[in-house]
Amino acid sequence: MTRRPAAALAALTLAAAALLTACGPTAAPAGPAGPTKGPDDAQVQQMQQKVDAADSAAAQADENAGQDN
């Protein structure tokens, strides 16, 4: 395995971890039954930036790997 595919695999792994972390359980205790509050907008924006960065890194790694071939 060369470095380029390894970098692409690492970027995809980071993207998957970011997505799974965003969808995982929250640390907040369960409140009384009633309307639930959605995720905080700042947190959603932060996770989207992480996913975008991982996608960009994966695309760059794919492009670099294509140039080597």
N, C-alpha and C. Protein backbone atom coordinates (compact mmCIF):
# COMPACT_ATOMS: atom_id res chain seq x y z
N MET A 1 0.85 -1.18 0.00
CA MET A 1 0.00 0.00 0.00
C MET A 1 0.89 1.24 0.00
N THR A 2 0.64 2.14 -0.89
CA THR A 2 1.44 3.35 -0.95
C THR A 2 0.86 4.42 -0.04
N ARG A 3 1.53 5.53 0.03
CA ARG A 3 1.10 6.58 0.94
C ARG A 3 -0.18 7.26 0.49
N ARG A 4 -0.38 7.40 -0.80
CA ARG A 4 -1.57 8.12 -1.29
C ARG A 4 -2.87 7.40 -0.94
N PRO A 5 -2.99 6.11 -1.24
CA PRO A 5 -4.22 5.42 -0.83
C PRO A 5 -4.38 5.38 0.69
N ALA A 6 -3.28 5.32 1.39
CA ALA A 6 -3.36 5.32 2.85
C ALA A 6 -3.89 6.65 3.35
N ALA A 7 -3.49 7.74 2.70
CA ALA A 7 -3.99 9.06 3.09
C ALA A 7 -5.48 9.18 2.78
N ALA A 8 -5.90 8.64 1.66
CA ALA A 8 -7.32 8.67 1.31
C ALA A 8 -8.13 7.84 2.31
N LEU A 9 -7.60 6.69 2.66
CA LEU A 9 -8.29 5.85 3.64
C LEU A 9 -8.38 6.55 4.99
N ALA A 10 -7.32 7.22 5.39
CA ALA A 10 -7.32 7.95 6.66
C ALA A 10 -8.35 9.07 6.62
N ALA A 11 -8.43 9.78 5.51
CA ALA A 11 -9.40 10.88 5.40
C ALA A 11 -10.83 10.34 5.45
N LEU A 12 -11.08 9.23 4.78
CA LEU A 12 -12.42 8.65 4.81
C LEU A 12 -12.76 8.14 6.20
N THR A 13 -11.78 7.60 6.90
CA THR A 13 -12.00 7.14 8.27
C THR A 13 -12.35 8.31 9.18
N LEU A 14 -11.65 9.44 9.00
CA LEU A 14 -11.96 10.63 9.80
C LEU A 14 -13.37 11.14 9.51
N ALA A 15 -13.75 11.11 8.25
CA ALA A 15 -15.10 11.55 7.88
C ALA A 15 -16.15 10.65 8.52
N ALA A 16 -15.92 9.35 8.48
CA ALA A 16 -16.87 8.41 9.08
C ALA A 16 -16.94 8.62 10.59
N ALA A 17 -15.80 8.84 11.22
CA ALA A 17 -15.78 9.07 12.67
C ALA A 17 -16.54 10.34 13.02
N ALA A 18 -16.37 11.38 12.21
CA ALA A 18 -17.07 12.63 12.48
C ALA A 18 -18.58 12.44 12.35
N LEU A 19 -18.99 11.70 11.34
CA LEU A 19 -20.42 11.46 11.16
C LEU A 19 -20.99 10.62 12.30
N LEU A 20 -20.27 9.59 12.71
CA LEU A 20 -20.75 8.75 13.80
C LEU A 20 -20.78 9.49 15.11
N THR A 21 -19.82 10.36 15.32
CA THR A 21 -19.78 11.16 16.54
C THR A 21 -20.96 12.11 16.58
N ALA A 22 -21.30 12.68 15.44
CA ALA A 22 -22.41 13.62 15.38
C ALA A 22 -23.73 12.93 15.65
N CYS A 23 -23.83 11.66 15.30
CA CYS A 23 -25.09 10.93 15.46
C CYS A 23 -25.15 10.14 16.75
N GLY A 24 -24.11 10.16 17.53
CA GLY A 24 -24.04 9.36 18.75
C GLY A 24 -24.90 9.92 19.86
N PRO A 25 -24.91 9.24 21.00
CA PRO A 25 -25.70 9.70 22.14
C PRO A 25 -25.14 11.00 22.70
N THR A 26 -26.00 11.77 23.32
CA THR A 26 -25.57 13.03 23.91
C THR A 26 -25.32 12.84 25.39
N ALA A 27 -24.55 13.75 25.96
CA ALA A 27 -24.24 13.67 27.39
C ALA A 27 -25.33 14.31 28.24
N ALA A 28 -26.26 15.01 27.62
CA ALA A 28 -27.31 15.69 28.38
C ALA A 28 -28.28 14.68 28.97
N PRO A 29 -28.69 14.88 30.21
CA PRO A 29 -29.66 13.96 30.81
C PRO A 29 -31.02 14.12 30.15
N ALA A 30 -31.79 13.07 30.20
CA ALA A 30 -33.13 13.10 29.62
C ALA A 30 -34.02 14.03 30.45
N GLY A 31 -34.73 14.89 29.77
CA GLY A 31 -35.62 15.83 30.46
C GLY A 31 -37.01 15.25 30.56
N PRO A 32 -37.93 16.05 31.04
CA PRO A 32 -39.31 15.58 31.15
C PRO A 32 -39.90 15.35 29.76
N ALA A 33 -40.92 14.50 29.71
CA ALA A 33 -41.55 14.21 28.43
C ALA A 33 -42.17 15.48 27.88
N GLY A 34 -41.99 15.69 26.62
CA GLY A 34 -42.52 16.88 25.98
C GLY A 34 -41.75 17.13 24.70
N PRO A 35 -41.91 18.30 24.12
CA PRO A 35 -41.19 18.59 22.88
C PRO A 35 -39.68 18.55 23.12
N THR A 36 -38.98 17.91 22.21
CA THR A 36 -37.54 17.82 22.35
C THR A 36 -36.88 18.95 21.60
N LYS A 37 -35.79 19.41 22.12
CA LYS A 37 -35.04 20.49 21.50
C LYS A 37 -34.06 19.88 20.51
N GLY A 38 -33.93 20.48 19.35
CA GLY A 38 -33.01 20.01 18.33
C GLY A 38 -31.58 20.32 18.71
N PRO A 39 -30.64 19.82 17.93
CA PRO A 39 -29.23 20.07 18.22
C PRO A 39 -28.91 21.56 18.11
N ASP A 40 -27.94 21.97 18.85
CA ASP A 40 -27.50 23.35 18.83
C ASP A 40 -26.96 23.71 17.45
N ASP A 41 -27.35 24.86 16.94
CA ASP A 41 -26.92 25.27 15.60
C ASP A 41 -25.40 25.37 15.48
N ALA A 42 -24.74 25.84 16.53
CA ALA A 42 -23.28 25.96 16.49
C ALA A 42 -22.63 24.58 16.38
N GLN A 43 -23.19 23.61 17.09
CA GLN A 43 -22.65 22.26 17.03
C GLN A 43 -22.86 21.65 15.65
N VAL A 44 -24.02 21.88 15.07
CA VAL A 44 -24.30 21.38 13.73
C VAL A 44 -23.32 22.00 12.73
N GLN A 45 -23.12 23.29 12.84
CA GLN A 45 -22.20 23.98 11.93
C GLN A 45 -20.77 23.46 12.10
N GLN A 46 -20.35 23.22 13.33
CA GLN A 46 -19.00 22.71 13.59
C GLN A 46 -18.83 21.31 12.99
N MET A 47 -19.81 20.46 13.17
CA MET A 47 -19.71 19.11 12.61
C MET A 47 -19.72 19.15 11.08
N GLN A 48 -20.52 20.05 10.49
CA GLN A 48 -20.55 20.17 9.04
C GLN A 48 -19.19 20.62 8.51
N GLN A 49 -18.54 21.52 9.21
CA GLN A 49 -17.21 21.97 8.81
C GLN A 49 -16.21 20.81 8.87
N LYS A 50 -16.33 19.97 9.88
CA LYS A 50 -15.43 18.81 9.99
C LYS A 50 -15.66 17.83 8.85
N VAL A 51 -16.92 17.60 8.52
CA VAL A 51 -17.24 16.69 7.42
C VAL A 51 -16.75 17.27 6.10
N ASP A 52 -16.96 18.57 5.90
CA ASP A 52 -16.48 19.22 4.67
C ASP A 52 -14.97 19.13 4.56
N ALA A 53 -14.26 19.34 5.67
CA ALA A 53 -12.80 19.26 5.65
C ALA A 53 -12.33 17.84 5.34
N ALA A 54 -13.00 16.84 5.89
CA ALA A 54 -12.63 15.45 5.61
C ALA A 54 -12.91 15.10 4.16
N ASP A 55 -14.04 15.57 3.63
CA ASP A 55 -14.35 15.33 2.22
C ASP A 55 -13.32 15.98 1.31
N SER A 56 -12.93 17.20 1.66
CA SER A 56 -11.93 17.91 0.87
C SER A 56 -10.59 17.18 0.90
N ALA A 57 -10.21 16.69 2.07
CA ALA A 57 -8.95 15.96 2.20
C ALA A 57 -9.00 14.66 1.39
N ALA A 58 -10.13 13.99 1.41
CA ALA A 58 -10.26 12.75 0.65
C ALA A 58 -10.20 13.03 -0.85
N ALA A 59 -10.85 14.11 -1.29
CA ALA A 59 -10.81 14.47 -2.71
C ALA A 59 -9.40 14.84 -3.14
N GLN A 60 -8.68 15.56 -2.28
CA GLN A 60 -7.30 15.93 -2.60
C GLN A 60 -6.42 14.69 -2.66
N ALA A 61 -6.63 13.76 -1.75
CA ALA A 61 -5.84 12.52 -1.76
C ALA A 61 -6.12 11.71 -3.02
N ASP A 62 -7.38 11.66 -3.43
CA ASP A 62 -7.73 10.95 -4.67
C ASP A 62 -7.09 11.62 -5.88
N GLU A 63 -7.11 12.94 -5.89
CA GLU A 63 -6.50 13.68 -7.00
C GLU A 63 -5.00 13.42 -7.05
N ASN A 64 -4.37 13.45 -5.89
CA ASN A 64 -2.93 13.21 -5.83
C ASN A 64 -2.61 11.77 -6.26
N ALA A 65 -3.43 10.84 -5.86
CA ALA A 65 -3.21 9.44 -6.24
C ALA A 65 -3.37 9.28 -7.74
N GLY A 66 -4.33 9.98 -8.33
CA GLY A 66 -4.53 9.90 -9.78
C GLY A 66 -3.36 10.49 -10.55
N GLN A 67 -2.72 11.49 -10.00
CA GLN A 67 -1.57 12.10 -10.66
C GLN A 67 -0.35 11.18 -10.63
N ASP A 68 -0.28 10.34 -9.59
CA ASP A 68 0.86 9.42 -9.48
C ASP A 68 0.77 8.26 -10.46
N ASN A 69 -0.44 7.94 -10.89
CA ASN A 69 -0.63 6.79 -11.78
C ASN A 69 -0.45 7.14 -13.20
